[in-house]
Amino acid sequence: MSTPAFIPELTTTDDRHVDYCLWDYTPVASAIGKWRSVNLLRDSFVHAGLTAPAFDMVDAIRQAFGPSRTVWGIKFSAGRISWELYFYDYDRQQRTRSVTRLLEVIRPWIASPLQVNEARDYFMFSIDLDRGALELRQSLESLQLYIGNVGSTVSSGICYDVTRQAMTLKNFYFFFDARTQIRQIVDKVRSSAYLDLSCFDLDSVLWPELRECQTIVVANKRHHDGVYFSRITIDQLLFFMHKLAYPATLIATIVQQRAQLDHLLYDVGFDYRMEDGVLRILKSAYYGVF
């Protein structure tokens, strides 16, 4: 078994187990003394050749915002990995985890000219990071704000892209119970400007191997659609990563440490559209917390 290039963090009796919406769940196996999901984030940093600054920034964010309060996503597209960090505060305008505070926390590593009016009624925001941002300290020029979608018949959110120049509508997200709302999920997937229904195979989006989860999210985005499977098992995560040909070193860590990771539930997703009658997966990601 290979030794990771960091000292893995282990769970304690005080650990909170949450999904990528920061909603609590009960571990599916004995958890004490096993790996926290942050170890997979750190392993991805090692894979990308990132050094101490990336690790230090994660530690600073957790110290400022608290443990298990930040969601990480490891994204894979065109053979390259990148990252997105998500920050929730459901207290909205009474929030303590704000864009303004985050930009202060990460300034020693990543500067940003962005400013957000904290009177806006957002419940979540996120930032995209790549090697340039984490290693070369490039400026953060955009972020995403998430607003509630009041009036939707299911739980729903709206995402806006924020730059110095403008705020632009980016995505709509719709949350469905995978067990009780499968008909609505199918209808939502099929209601798309990016699918040719004359040759569309539903299983190419709603993978049968991942349907046994708790929540399925369908997203309508500017240039494509997206689907997310929430609270899947470690073996479903491995299926997802193998099917989408993630870097072998990332998969190997999870295989080697499976017994240290089998207590956790995972969240995954991918963006897609049809081109010339063929479904193309554009980008994918898996998620955890720190």
C-alpha atoms as a PDB file:
ATOM      1  CA  MET A   1       0.000   0.000   0.000  1.00  0.00           C
ATOM      2  CA  SER A   2       1.409   3.383  -0.969  1.00  0.00           C
ATOM      3  CA  THR A   3       1.988   6.005   1.684  1.00  0.00           C
ATOM      4  CA  PRO A   4       0.266   9.360   1.090  1.00  0.00           C
ATOM      5  CA  ALA A   5       2.467  12.465   0.980  1.00  0.00           C
ATOM      6  CA  PHE A   6       0.583  13.932   3.949  1.00  0.00           C
ATOM      7  CA  ILE A   7      -0.511  12.736   7.359  1.00  0.00           C
ATOM      8  CA  PRO A   8      -4.154  11.660   6.916  1.00  0.00           C
ATOM      9  CA  GLU A   9      -6.790  13.152   9.184  1.00  0.00           C
ATOM     10  CA  LEU A  10      -8.871  10.589  11.060  1.00  0.00           C
ATOM     11  CA  THR A  11     -12.440  10.879  12.276  1.00  0.00           C
ATOM     12  CA  THR A  12     -13.307  11.335  15.938  1.00  0.00           C
ATOM     13  CA  THR A  13     -16.486  11.030  17.948  1.00  0.00           C
ATOM     14  CA  ASP A  14     -17.058  14.765  17.381  1.00  0.00           C
ATOM     15  CA  ASP A  15     -17.067  14.546  13.582  1.00  0.00           C
ATOM     16  CA  ARG A  16     -20.113  15.779  11.695  1.00  0.00           C
ATOM     17  CA  HIS A  17     -20.959  13.840   8.531  1.00  0.00           C
ATOM     18  CA  VAL A  18     -22.605  15.974   5.846  1.00  0.00           C
ATOM     19  CA  ASP A  19     -23.237  15.821   2.116  1.00  0.00           C
ATOM     20  CA  TYR A  20     -22.429  18.532  -0.425  1.00  0.00           C
ATOM     21  CA  CYS A  21     -25.419  20.579   0.739  1.00  0.00           C
ATOM     22  CA  LEU A  22     -24.123  20.388   4.332  1.00  0.00           C
ATOM     23  CA  TRP A  23     -27.107  18.234   5.260  1.00  0.00           C
ATOM     24  CA  ASP A  24     -26.329  15.683   7.979  1.00  0.00           C
ATOM     25  CA  TYR A  25     -26.325  11.935   7.377  1.00  0.00           C
ATOM     26  CA  THR A  26     -25.472   8.863   9.448  1.00  0.00           C
ATOM     27  CA  PRO A  27     -22.267   7.051   8.383  1.00  0.00           C
ATOM     28  CA  VAL A  28     -22.993   3.777   6.597  1.00  0.00           C
ATOM     29  CA  ALA A  29     -20.206   1.895   8.409  1.00  0.00           C
ATOM     30  CA  SER A  30     -18.175   2.275  11.565  1.00  0.00           C
ATOM     31  CA  ALA A  31     -16.491   5.676  11.296  1.00  0.00           C
ATOM     32  CA  ILE A  32     -14.210   6.307  14.265  1.00  0.00           C
ATOM     33  CA  GLY A  33     -10.519   6.416  13.358  1.00  0.00           C
ATOM     34  CA  LYS A  34     -11.118   6.303   9.585  1.00  0.00           C
ATOM     35  CA  TRP A  35     -10.277   8.869   6.925  1.00  0.00           C
ATOM     36  CA  ARG A  36     -12.038  12.189   6.663  1.00  0.00           C
ATOM     37  CA  SER A  37     -12.967  13.150   3.108  1.00  0.00           C
ATOM     38  CA  VAL A  38     -10.515  16.078   3.191  1.00  0.00           C
ATOM     39  CA  ASN A  39      -7.800  13.484   2.646  1.00  0.00           C
ATOM     40  CA  LEU A  40      -9.073  12.953  -0.893  1.00  0.00           C
ATOM     41  CA  LEU A  41      -8.755  16.679  -1.551  1.00  0.00           C
ATOM     42  CA  ARG A  42      -5.196  16.666  -0.265  1.00  0.00           C
ATOM     43  CA  ASP A  43      -4.416  13.574  -2.327  1.00  0.00           C
ATOM     44  CA  SER A  44      -5.594  15.461  -5.434  1.00  0.00           C
ATOM     45  CA  PHE A  45      -3.209  18.304  -4.537  1.00  0.00           C
ATOM     46  CA  VAL A  46      -0.365  15.790  -4.370  1.00  0.00           C
ATOM     47  CA  HIS A  47      -1.422  14.337  -7.722  1.00  0.00           C
ATOM     48  CA  ALA A  48      -1.355  17.834  -9.245  1.00  0.00           C
ATOM     49  CA  GLY A  49       2.088  18.576  -7.806  1.00  0.00           C
ATOM     50  CA  LEU A  50       0.825  21.348  -5.549  1.00  0.00           C
ATOM     51  CA  THR A  51       2.887  22.276  -2.534  1.00  0.00           C
ATOM     52  CA  ALA A  52       2.389  23.752   0.932  1.00  0.00           C
ATOM     53  CA  PRO A  53       0.422  26.897  -0.039  1.00  0.00           C
ATOM     54  CA  ALA A  54      -2.603  24.879  -1.211  1.00  0.00           C
ATOM     55  CA  PHE A  55      -2.610  22.846   2.013  1.00  0.00           C
ATOM     56  CA  ASP A  56      -2.149  25.960   4.134  1.00  0.00           C
ATOM     57  CA  MET A  57      -5.039  27.786   2.459  1.00  0.00           C
ATOM     58  CA  VAL A  58      -7.406  24.879   3.167  1.00  0.00           C
ATOM     59  CA  ASP A  59      -6.348  24.908   6.819  1.00  0.00           C
ATOM     60  CA  ALA A  60      -6.901  28.680   7.037  1.00  0.00           C
ATOM     61  CA  ILE A  61     -10.394  28.435   5.554  1.00  0.00           C
ATOM     62  CA  ARG A  62     -11.365  25.692   7.978  1.00  0.00           C
ATOM     63  CA  GLN A  63     -10.013  27.645  10.923  1.00  0.00           C
ATOM     64  CA  ALA A  64     -12.032  30.699   9.853  1.00  0.00           C
ATOM     65  CA  PHE A  65     -15.295  28.954   8.886  1.00  0.00           C
ATOM     66  CA  GLY A  66     -15.246  25.897  11.142  1.00  0.00           C
ATOM     67  CA  PRO A  67     -14.836  22.148  10.521  1.00  0.00           C
ATOM     68  CA  SER A  68     -17.095  20.398   7.998  1.00  0.00           C
ATOM     69  CA  ARG A  69     -18.418  23.765   6.801  1.00  0.00           C
ATOM     70  CA  THR A  70     -16.683  23.951   3.415  1.00  0.00           C
ATOM     71  CA  VAL A  71     -17.477  21.683   0.466  1.00  0.00           C
ATOM     72  CA  TRP A  72     -14.749  20.794  -2.003  1.00  0.00           C
ATOM     73  CA  GLY A  73     -15.253  19.514  -5.529  1.00  0.00           C
ATOM     74  CA  ILE A  74     -12.559  17.816  -7.593  1.00  0.00           C
ATOM     75  CA  LYS A  75     -13.459  18.510 -11.203  1.00  0.00           C
ATOM     76  CA  PHE A  76     -12.208  16.620 -14.245  1.00  0.00           C
ATOM     77  CA  SER A  77     -12.410  17.944 -17.795  1.00  0.00           C
ATOM     78  CA  ALA A  78     -10.308  17.433 -20.928  1.00  0.00           C
ATOM     79  CA  GLY A  79      -7.846  15.299 -19.003  1.00  0.00           C
ATOM     80  CA  ARG A  80      -7.157  17.916 -16.327  1.00  0.00           C
ATOM     81  CA  ILE A  81      -8.312  18.286 -12.733  1.00  0.00           C
ATOM     82  CA  SER A  82      -9.309  21.518 -11.040  1.00  0.00           C
ATOM     83  CA  TRP A  83     -11.209  22.404  -7.894  1.00  0.00           C
ATOM     84  CA  GLU A  84     -14.225  24.308  -6.665  1.00  0.00           C
ATOM     85  CA  LEU A  85     -14.906  25.307  -3.063  1.00  0.00           C
ATOM     86  CA  TYR A  86     -18.492  25.900  -1.889  1.00  0.00           C
ATOM     87  CA  PHE A  87     -19.530  27.910   1.148  1.00  0.00           C
ATOM     88  CA  TYR A  88     -23.006  27.713   2.676  1.00  0.00           C
ATOM     89  CA  ASP A  89     -24.729  29.886   5.213  1.00  0.00           C
ATOM     90  CA  TYR A  90     -28.448  29.260   5.331  1.00  0.00           C
ATOM     91  CA  ASP A  91     -28.881  32.254   7.656  1.00  0.00           C
ATOM     92  CA  ARG A  92     -28.575  34.368   4.486  1.00  0.00           C
ATOM     93  CA  GLN A  93     -28.343  38.061   5.414  1.00  0.00           C
ATOM     94  CA  GLN A  94     -27.481  37.093   8.992  1.00  0.00           C
ATOM     95  CA  ARG A  95     -24.645  34.971   7.615  1.00  0.00           C
ATOM     96  CA  THR A  96     -21.240  34.583   9.267  1.00  0.00           C
ATOM     97  CA  ARG A  97     -19.598  32.833   6.271  1.00  0.00           C
ATOM     98  CA  SER A  98     -19.587  35.492   3.580  1.00  0.00           C
ATOM     99  CA  VAL A  99     -17.796  36.266   0.332  1.00  0.00           C
ATOM    100  CA  THR A 100     -16.172  39.274   1.971  1.00  0.00           C
ATOM    101  CA  ARG A 101     -14.829  37.172   4.821  1.00  0.00           C
ATOM    102  CA  LEU A 102     -13.536  34.432   2.512  1.00  0.00           C
ATOM    103  CA  LEU A 103     -11.630  36.888   0.329  1.00  0.00           C
ATOM    104  CA  GLU A 104      -9.981  38.234   3.474  1.00  0.00           C
ATOM    105  CA  VAL A 105      -9.004  34.730   4.591  1.00  0.00           C
ATOM    106  CA  ILE A 106      -7.471  33.625   1.283  1.00  0.00           C
ATOM    107  CA  ARG A 107      -5.731  36.926   0.459  1.00  0.00           C
ATOM    108  CA  PRO A 108      -2.271  35.651   1.542  1.00  0.00           C
ATOM    109  CA  TRP A 109      -2.554  33.023  -1.209  1.00  0.00           C
ATOM    110  CA  ILE A 110      -5.062  34.382  -3.741  1.00  0.00           C
ATOM    111  CA  ALA A 111      -5.876  38.050  -4.170  1.00  0.00           C
ATOM    112  CA  SER A 112      -9.124  39.201  -5.736  1.00  0.00           C
ATOM    113  CA  PRO A 113     -10.546  42.524  -6.910  1.00  0.00           C
ATOM    114  CA  LEU A 114     -14.116  41.243  -6.457  1.00  0.00           C
ATOM    115  CA  GLN A 115     -16.620  42.858  -4.126  1.00  0.00           C
ATOM    116  CA  VAL A 116     -20.090  41.612  -3.229  1.00  0.00           C
ATOM    117  CA  ASN A 117     -22.912  43.568  -1.670  1.00  0.00           C
ATOM    118  CA  GLU A 118     -23.562  41.530   1.466  1.00  0.00           C
ATOM    119  CA  ALA A 119     -27.181  42.702   1.517  1.00  0.00           C
ATOM    120  CA  ARG A 120     -27.864  40.281  -1.349  1.00  0.00           C
ATOM    121  CA  ASP A 121     -29.976  37.305  -0.280  1.00  0.00           C
ATOM    122  CA  TYR A 122     -27.556  34.507  -1.199  1.00  0.00           C
ATOM    123  CA  PHE A 123     -27.311  31.248   0.762  1.00  0.00           C
ATOM    124  CA  MET A 124     -24.191  29.875  -0.925  1.00  0.00           C
ATOM    125  CA  PHE A 125     -21.222  30.952  -3.001  1.00  0.00           C
ATOM    126  CA  SER A 126     -18.334  29.166  -4.659  1.00  0.00           C
ATOM    127  CA  ILE A 127     -14.928  29.816  -6.171  1.00  0.00           C
ATOM    128  CA  ASP A 128     -13.112  27.930  -8.925  1.00  0.00           C
ATOM    129  CA  LEU A 129      -9.453  27.101  -8.472  1.00  0.00           C
ATOM    130  CA  ASP A 130      -6.847  25.626 -10.780  1.00  0.00           C
ATOM    131  CA  ARG A 131      -3.111  25.116 -10.616  1.00  0.00           C
ATOM    132  CA  GLY A 132      -2.496  28.699 -11.681  1.00  0.00           C
ATOM    133  CA  ALA A 133      -4.518  30.044  -8.783  1.00  0.00           C
ATOM    134  CA  LEU A 134      -3.128  27.671  -6.173  1.00  0.00           C
ATOM    135  CA  GLU A 135       0.528  27.569  -7.216  1.00  0.00           C
ATOM    136  CA  LEU A 136       1.115  30.761  -9.203  1.00  0.00           C
ATOM    137  CA  ARG A 137      -1.178  32.922  -7.060  1.00  0.00           C
ATOM    138  CA  GLN A 138      -3.178  34.247  -9.983  1.00  0.00           C
ATOM    139  CA  SER A 139      -5.966  36.677  -9.142  1.00  0.00           C
ATOM    140  CA  LEU A 140      -9.483  35.387  -8.531  1.00  0.00           C
ATOM    141  CA  GLU A 141     -11.533  37.160 -11.199  1.00  0.00           C
ATOM    142  CA  SER A 142     -14.933  35.493 -10.787  1.00  0.00           C
ATOM    143  CA  LEU A 143     -17.110  33.639  -8.309  1.00  0.00           C
ATOM    144  CA  GLN A 144     -20.610  32.160  -8.160  1.00  0.00           C
ATOM    145  CA  LEU A 145     -23.544  33.305  -6.003  1.00  0.00           C
ATOM    146  CA  TYR A 146     -26.517  31.013  -5.332  1.00  0.00           C
ATOM    147  CA  ILE A 147     -29.994  32.375  -4.669  1.00  0.00           C
ATOM    148  CA  GLY A 148     -33.160  30.523  -3.689  1.00  0.00           C
ATOM    149  CA  ASN A 149     -35.762  29.861  -6.394  1.00  0.00           C
ATOM    150  CA  VAL A 150     -38.961  30.754  -4.536  1.00  0.00           C
ATOM    151  CA  GLY A 151     -42.101  29.331  -6.144  1.00  0.00           C
ATOM    152  CA  SER A 152     -40.542  26.165  -7.538  1.00  0.00           C
ATOM    153  CA  THR A 153     -42.529  23.031  -6.719  1.00  0.00           C
ATOM    154  CA  VAL A 154     -39.281  21.268  -5.716  1.00  0.00           C
ATOM    155  CA  SER A 155     -36.211  22.501  -3.841  1.00  0.00           C
ATOM    156  CA  SER A 156     -34.384  24.687  -6.311  1.00  0.00           C
ATOM    157  CA  GLY A 157     -31.612  27.262  -6.632  1.00  0.00           C
ATOM    158  CA  ILE A 158     -30.316  29.811  -9.114  1.00  0.00           C
ATOM    159  CA  CYS A 159     -26.616  30.442  -9.757  1.00  0.00           C
ATOM    160  CA  TYR A 160     -25.126  33.742 -10.946  1.00  0.00           C
ATOM    161  CA  ASP A 161     -21.590  34.315 -12.193  1.00  0.00           C
ATOM    162  CA  VAL A 162     -20.000  37.398 -10.613  1.00  0.00           C
ATOM    163  CA  THR A 163     -17.138  39.370 -12.162  1.00  0.00           C
ATOM    164  CA  ARG A 164     -15.990  42.979 -11.794  1.00  0.00           C
ATOM    165  CA  GLN A 165     -18.003  43.866 -14.882  1.00  0.00           C
ATOM    166  CA  ALA A 166     -21.331  42.114 -14.356  1.00  0.00           C
ATOM    167  CA  MET A 167     -23.523  39.549 -12.642  1.00  0.00           C
ATOM    168  CA  THR A 168     -24.795  36.972 -15.150  1.00  0.00           C
ATOM    169  CA  LEU A 169     -27.398  34.237 -14.812  1.00  0.00           C
ATOM    170  CA  LYS A 170     -25.569  30.905 -15.034  1.00  0.00           C
ATOM    171  CA  ASN A 171     -27.521  27.851 -13.840  1.00  0.00           C
ATOM    172  CA  PHE A 172     -30.780  26.548 -12.379  1.00  0.00           C
ATOM    173  CA  TYR A 173     -30.668  23.532 -10.019  1.00  0.00           C
ATOM    174  CA  PHE A 174     -33.615  21.287  -9.095  1.00  0.00           C
ATOM    175  CA  PHE A 175     -33.456  18.724  -6.262  1.00  0.00           C
ATOM    176  CA  PHE A 176     -35.514  15.518  -6.407  1.00  0.00           C
ATOM    177  CA  ASP A 177     -35.899  12.555  -4.080  1.00  0.00           C
ATOM    178  CA  ALA A 178     -34.386   9.673  -6.044  1.00  0.00           C
ATOM    179  CA  ARG A 179     -36.795   7.125  -4.558  1.00  0.00           C
ATOM    180  CA  THR A 180     -40.133   8.918  -4.723  1.00  0.00           C
ATOM    181  CA  GLN A 181     -39.779  11.419  -7.578  1.00  0.00           C
ATOM    182  CA  ILE A 182     -38.280   9.357 -10.378  1.00  0.00           C
ATOM    183  CA  ARG A 183     -41.083  10.335 -12.790  1.00  0.00           C
ATOM    184  CA  GLN A 184     -40.371  14.023 -12.223  1.00  0.00           C
ATOM    185  CA  ILE A 185     -36.631  13.396 -12.603  1.00  0.00           C
ATOM    186  CA  VAL A 186     -37.154  11.722 -15.966  1.00  0.00           C
ATOM    187  CA  ASP A 187     -39.427  14.515 -17.143  1.00  0.00           C
ATOM    188  CA  LYS A 188     -36.946  17.156 -16.014  1.00  0.00           C
ATOM    189  CA  VAL A 189     -34.031  15.484 -17.812  1.00  0.00           C
ATOM    190  CA  ARG A 190     -36.036  15.173 -21.010  1.00  0.00           C
ATOM    191  CA  SER A 191     -37.184  18.817 -20.861  1.00  0.00           C
ATOM    192  CA  SER A 192     -33.965  20.083 -22.379  1.00  0.00           C
ATOM    193  CA  ALA A 193     -32.864  22.269 -25.268  1.00  0.00           C
ATOM    194  CA  TYR A 194     -29.693  20.165 -25.588  1.00  0.00           C
ATOM    195  CA  LEU A 195     -31.201  16.704 -26.198  1.00  0.00           C
ATOM    196  CA  ASP A 196     -32.404  15.099 -29.402  1.00  0.00           C
ATOM    197  CA  LEU A 197     -35.227  12.994 -27.988  1.00  0.00           C
ATOM    198  CA  SER A 198     -35.494  10.948 -31.210  1.00  0.00           C
ATOM    199  CA  CYS A 199     -32.253   9.173 -30.277  1.00  0.00           C
ATOM    200  CA  PHE A 200     -31.784   9.967 -26.593  1.00  0.00           C
ATOM    201  CA  ASP A 201     -31.070   7.055 -24.238  1.00  0.00           C
ATOM    202  CA  LEU A 202     -32.217   7.946 -20.717  1.00  0.00           C
ATOM    203  CA  ASP A 203     -29.598   5.645 -19.181  1.00  0.00           C
ATOM    204  CA  SER A 204     -26.848   7.778 -20.730  1.00  0.00           C
ATOM    205  CA  VAL A 205     -27.743  10.478 -18.188  1.00  0.00           C
ATOM    206  CA  LEU A 206     -29.555   8.692 -15.365  1.00  0.00           C
ATOM    207  CA  TRP A 207     -26.989   5.954 -14.932  1.00  0.00           C
ATOM    208  CA  PRO A 208     -28.695   2.849 -13.488  1.00  0.00           C
ATOM    209  CA  GLU A 209     -25.608   2.163 -11.352  1.00  0.00           C
ATOM    210  CA  LEU A 210     -26.066   5.501  -9.536  1.00  0.00           C
ATOM    211  CA  ARG A 211     -29.844   5.790  -9.315  1.00  0.00           C
ATOM    212  CA  GLU A 212     -29.775   4.044  -5.944  1.00  0.00           C
ATOM    213  CA  CYS A 213     -28.926   7.230  -4.073  1.00  0.00           C
ATOM    214  CA  GLN A 214     -30.895   9.704  -1.991  1.00  0.00           C
ATOM    215  CA  THR A 215     -31.124  12.841  -4.127  1.00  0.00           C
ATOM    216  CA  ILE A 216     -30.795  13.490  -7.855  1.00  0.00           C
ATOM    217  CA  VAL A 217     -30.226  17.058  -8.977  1.00  0.00           C
ATOM    218  CA  VAL A 218     -30.921  18.161 -12.545  1.00  0.00           C
ATOM    219  CA  ALA A 219     -29.403  21.453 -13.673  1.00  0.00           C
ATOM    220  CA  ASN A 220     -30.118  23.660 -16.662  1.00  0.00           C
ATOM    221  CA  LYS A 221     -26.990  25.576 -17.634  1.00  0.00           C
ATOM    222  CA  ARG A 222     -26.160  28.126 -20.286  1.00  0.00           C
ATOM    223  CA  HIS A 223     -24.519  25.772 -22.798  1.00  0.00           C
ATOM    224  CA  HIS A 224     -25.474  22.305 -21.521  1.00  0.00           C
ATOM    225  CA  ASP A 225     -27.288  20.458 -18.737  1.00  0.00           C
ATOM    226  CA  GLY A 226     -26.032  18.667 -15.634  1.00  0.00           C
ATOM    227  CA  VAL A 227     -27.010  15.801 -13.348  1.00  0.00           C
ATOM    228  CA  TYR A 228     -25.835  15.060  -9.800  1.00  0.00           C
ATOM    229  CA  PHE A 229     -26.208  11.934  -7.678  1.00  0.00           C
ATOM    230  CA  SER A 230     -26.084  12.614  -3.933  1.00  0.00           C
ATOM    231  CA  ARG A 231     -25.171  10.200  -1.137  1.00  0.00           C
ATOM    232  CA  ILE A 232     -23.706   7.335  -3.130  1.00  0.00           C
ATOM    233  CA  THR A 233     -21.450   4.629  -1.667  1.00  0.00           C
ATOM    234  CA  ILE A 234     -17.700   4.225  -2.021  1.00  0.00           C
ATOM    235  CA  ASP A 235     -18.195   1.504  -4.650  1.00  0.00           C
ATOM    236  CA  GLN A 236     -20.527   3.750  -6.657  1.00  0.00           C
ATOM    237  CA  LEU A 237     -17.906   6.489  -6.470  1.00  0.00           C
ATOM    238  CA  LEU A 238     -15.301   4.107  -7.858  1.00  0.00           C
ATOM    239  CA  PHE A 239     -17.669   3.089 -10.652  1.00  0.00           C
ATOM    240  CA  PHE A 240     -18.177   6.759 -11.511  1.00  0.00           C
ATOM    241  CA  MET A 241     -14.443   7.482 -11.582  1.00  0.00           C
ATOM    242  CA  HIS A 242     -13.604   4.409 -13.652  1.00  0.00           C
ATOM    243  CA  LYS A 243     -16.371   5.117 -16.158  1.00  0.00           C
ATOM    244  CA  LEU A 244     -15.155   8.683 -16.686  1.00  0.00           C
ATOM    245  CA  ALA A 245     -11.462   7.698 -16.784  1.00  0.00           C
ATOM    246  CA  TYR A 246     -10.252   9.791 -13.872  1.00  0.00           C
ATOM    247  CA  PRO A 247      -6.474   9.845 -13.313  1.00  0.00           C
ATOM    248  CA  ALA A 248      -5.310   6.409 -12.222  1.00  0.00           C
ATOM    249  CA  THR A 249      -3.473   7.772  -9.190  1.00  0.00           C
ATOM    250  CA  LEU A 250      -6.662   9.316  -7.774  1.00  0.00           C
ATOM    251  CA  ILE A 251      -8.555   6.060  -8.268  1.00  0.00           C
ATOM    252  CA  ALA A 252      -5.694   4.051  -6.781  1.00  0.00           C
ATOM    253  CA  THR A 253      -5.775   5.988  -3.523  1.00  0.00           C
ATOM    254  CA  ILE A 254      -9.482   5.265  -3.068  1.00  0.00           C
ATOM    255  CA  VAL A 255      -9.031   1.580  -3.943  1.00  0.00           C
ATOM    256  CA  GLN A 256      -6.096   1.236  -1.550  1.00  0.00           C
ATOM    257  CA  GLN A 257      -7.851   3.101   1.229  1.00  0.00           C
ATOM    258  CA  ARG A 258     -11.323   1.699   0.627  1.00  0.00           C
ATOM    259  CA  ALA A 259     -11.593   0.323   4.167  1.00  0.00           C
ATOM    260  CA  GLN A 260     -10.731   3.804   5.475  1.00  0.00           C
ATOM    261  CA  LEU A 261     -13.389   5.485   3.305  1.00  0.00           C
ATOM    262  CA  ASP A 262     -16.353   3.098   3.311  1.00  0.00           C
ATOM    263  CA  HIS A 263     -18.192   4.900   6.122  1.00  0.00           C
ATOM    264  CA  LEU A 264     -18.730   8.018   4.000  1.00  0.00           C
ATOM    265  CA  LEU A 265     -21.388   8.851   1.444  1.00  0.00           C
ATOM    266  CA  TYR A 266     -20.306  10.765  -1.645  1.00  0.00           C
ATOM    267  CA  ASP A 267     -21.770  13.167  -4.190  1.00  0.00           C
ATOM    268  CA  VAL A 268     -20.919  13.195  -7.894  1.00  0.00           C
ATOM    269  CA  GLY A 269     -22.115  14.912 -11.040  1.00  0.00           C
ATOM    270  CA  PHE A 270     -21.435  15.623 -14.684  1.00  0.00           C
ATOM    271  CA  ASP A 271     -22.331  18.168 -17.367  1.00  0.00           C
ATOM    272  CA  TYR A 272     -23.562  16.941 -20.743  1.00  0.00           C
ATOM    273  CA  ARG A 273     -25.187  17.793 -24.040  1.00  0.00           C
ATOM    274  CA  MET A 274     -25.939  15.972 -27.271  1.00  0.00           C
ATOM    275  CA  GLU A 275     -23.832  16.691 -30.344  1.00  0.00           C
ATOM    276  CA  ASP A 276     -24.792  15.118 -33.690  1.00  0.00           C
ATOM    277  CA  GLY A 277     -27.031  12.640 -31.908  1.00  0.00           C
ATOM    278  CA  VAL A 278     -24.377  11.505 -29.405  1.00  0.00           C
ATOM    279  CA  LEU A 279     -24.384  12.382 -25.719  1.00  0.00           C
ATOM    280  CA  ARG A 280     -21.117  14.034 -24.748  1.00  0.00           C
ATOM    281  CA  ILE A 281     -19.967  14.390 -21.138  1.00  0.00           C
ATOM    282  CA  LEU A 282     -18.143  17.702 -20.843  1.00  0.00           C
ATOM    283  CA  LYS A 283     -17.044  17.853 -17.217  1.00  0.00           C
ATOM    284  CA  SER A 284     -17.524  15.844 -14.041  1.00  0.00           C
ATOM    285  CA  ALA A 285     -16.776  16.159 -10.340  1.00  0.00           C
ATOM    286  CA  TYR A 286     -16.896  14.405  -6.989  1.00  0.00           C
ATOM    287  CA  TYR A 287     -17.346  16.128  -3.661  1.00  0.00           C
ATOM    288  CA  GLY A 288     -16.440  16.083   0.020  1.00  0.00           C
ATOM    289  CA  VAL A 289     -16.018  18.480   2.940  1.00  0.00           C
ATOM    290  CA  PHE A 290     -13.407  19.954   5.246  1.00  0.00           C
END
